[in-house]
C-alpha atoms as a PDB file:
ATOM      1  CA  MET A   1       7.723 147.164  70.896  1.00  0.00           C
ATOM      2  CA  LEU A   2       5.195 150.629  71.025  1.00  0.00           C
ATOM      3  CA  PHE A   3       2.153 148.761  72.227  1.00  0.00           C
ATOM      4  CA  ASP A   4       4.108 146.325  74.794  1.00  0.00           C
ATOM      5  CA  GLU A   5       5.162 149.433  76.419  1.00  0.00           C
ATOM      6  CA  PHE A   6       1.505 151.103  76.611  1.00  0.00           C
ATOM      7  CA  LEU A   7       0.452 147.951  77.958  1.00  0.00           C
ATOM      8  CA  GLN A   8       3.221 148.384  81.048  1.00  0.00           C
ATOM      9  CA  ASN A   9       1.625 151.563  81.723  1.00  0.00           C
ATOM     10  CA  TYR A  10      -2.139 150.711  81.662  1.00  0.00           C
ATOM     11  CA  GLN A  11      -3.541 150.269  85.197  1.00  0.00           C
ATOM     12  CA  GLY A  12      -6.325 148.315  84.515  1.00  0.00           C
ATOM     13  CA  LEU A  13      -4.062 144.750  82.707  1.00  0.00           C
ATOM     14  CA  GLN A  14      -4.944 142.272  84.902  1.00  0.00           C
ATOM     15  CA  LYS A  15      -4.457 138.339  84.473  1.00  0.00           C
ATOM     16  CA  ASN A  16      -6.745 136.840  81.952  1.00  0.00           C
ATOM     17  CA  MET A  17      -8.108 140.057  80.227  1.00  0.00           C
ATOM     18  CA  ARG A  18      -9.053 139.293  76.759  1.00  0.00           C
ATOM     19  CA  ILE A  19      -7.662 141.343  73.716  1.00  0.00           C
ATOM     20  CA  LEU A  20      -8.233 141.528  70.277  1.00  0.00           C
ATOM     21  CA  GLU A  21      -5.745 142.537  67.585  1.00  0.00           C
ATOM     22  CA  VAL A  22      -7.304 143.169  63.984  1.00  0.00           C
ATOM     23  CA  GLY A  23      -4.714 142.553  61.273  1.00  0.00           C
ATOM     24  CA  CYS A  24      -2.742 139.706  63.678  1.00  0.00           C
ATOM     25  CA  CYS A  25      -1.300 138.580  60.714  1.00  0.00           C
ATOM     26  CA  TYR A  26       0.510 135.231  62.060  1.00  0.00           C
ATOM     27  CA  GLY A  27      -0.446 136.154  65.569  1.00  0.00           C
ATOM     28  CA  TYR A  28       3.639 136.759  66.593  1.00  0.00           C
ATOM     29  CA  ASN A  29       2.530 139.799  68.510  1.00  0.00           C
ATOM     30  CA  LEU A  30      -0.664 138.726  69.890  1.00  0.00           C
ATOM     31  CA  THR A  31       1.210 135.645  71.301  1.00  0.00           C
ATOM     32  CA  TYR A  32       4.091 137.560  73.113  1.00  0.00           C
ATOM     33  CA  LEU A  33       1.708 139.630  74.634  1.00  0.00           C
ATOM     34  CA  CYS A  34      -0.634 136.520  76.240  1.00  0.00           C
ATOM     35  CA  GLU A  35       2.336 134.595  77.275  1.00  0.00           C
ATOM     36  CA  LYS A  36       4.028 137.570  78.856  1.00  0.00           C
ATOM     37  CA  TYR A  37       0.935 139.642  80.551  1.00  0.00           C
ATOM     38  CA  ASP A  38      -0.746 136.251  81.041  1.00  0.00           C
ATOM     39  CA  LEU A  39      -3.554 137.116  78.710  1.00  0.00           C
ATOM     40  CA  GLU A  40      -6.108 135.685  76.608  1.00  0.00           C
ATOM     41  CA  GLY A  41      -6.036 136.326  73.059  1.00  0.00           C
ATOM     42  CA  TYR A  42      -7.750 136.942  69.926  1.00  0.00           C
ATOM     43  CA  GLY A  43      -7.056 137.940  66.569  1.00  0.00           C
ATOM     44  CA  ILE A  44      -8.871 138.716  63.214  1.00  0.00           C
ATOM     45  CA  GLU A  45      -6.515 137.901  59.719  1.00  0.00           C
ATOM     46  CA  PRO A  46      -8.144 137.718  56.658  1.00  0.00           C
ATOM     47  CA  SER A  47      -5.148 136.217  54.982  1.00  0.00           C
ATOM     48  CA  LYS A  48      -4.876 132.581  55.166  1.00  0.00           C
ATOM     49  CA  GLU A  49      -1.613 131.689  54.559  1.00  0.00           C
ATOM     50  CA  ALA A  50      -0.431 134.186  57.242  1.00  0.00           C
ATOM     51  CA  VAL A  51      -3.101 132.138  59.378  1.00  0.00           C
ATOM     52  CA  ASP A  52      -1.962 128.396  58.479  1.00  0.00           C
ATOM     53  CA  TYR A  53       1.590 129.850  59.169  1.00  0.00           C
ATOM     54  CA  GLY A  54       1.241 131.064  62.481  1.00  0.00           C
ATOM     55  CA  ASN A  55      -0.638 127.712  63.475  1.00  0.00           C
ATOM     56  CA  ASP A  56       1.775 125.709  62.232  1.00  0.00           C
ATOM     57  CA  VAL A  57       4.156 127.935  64.212  1.00  0.00           C
ATOM     58  CA  ILE A  58       2.104 127.343  67.647  1.00  0.00           C
ATOM     59  CA  LYS A  59       2.181 123.740  67.157  1.00  0.00           C
ATOM     60  CA  LYS A  60       5.610 123.433  66.650  1.00  0.00           C
ATOM     61  CA  ASP A  61       6.194 125.360  69.385  1.00  0.00           C
ATOM     62  CA  LYS A  62       4.134 124.439  71.835  1.00  0.00           C
ATOM     63  CA  ASN A  63       6.446 124.233  74.954  1.00  0.00           C
ATOM     64  CA  LYS A  64       8.739 127.221  73.691  1.00  0.00           C
ATOM     65  CA  ARG A  65       8.431 130.541  72.681  1.00  0.00           C
ATOM     66  CA  ASN A  66       9.841 130.916  69.142  1.00  0.00           C
ATOM     67  CA  THR A  67      13.020 133.247  69.197  1.00  0.00           C
ATOM     68  CA  THR A  68      13.284 133.347  65.578  1.00  0.00           C
ATOM     69  CA  ALA A  69      12.469 136.237  63.805  1.00  0.00           C
ATOM     70  CA  PRO A  70       9.136 136.271  61.847  1.00  0.00           C
ATOM     71  CA  PRO A  71       8.947 136.645  58.350  1.00  0.00           C
ATOM     72  CA  PRO A  72       6.902 139.598  56.997  1.00  0.00           C
ATOM     73  CA  CYS A  73       3.447 139.745  56.448  1.00  0.00           C
END
């Protein structure tokens, strides 16, 4: 993941920083980054279906990370 590699090299990254992902689809990448780097994430997505799907996945996997490949957005 290119963005993940960028964040690893970003010296100013700190716990609880806020990030915004525009066009986050179902939030898979945003969730991954927030969990890995202990960030506070916000996403903007115009597709109601993608948002609904993402919310369902988060509710089902609240205490464990979803390791299955997400559907294309």
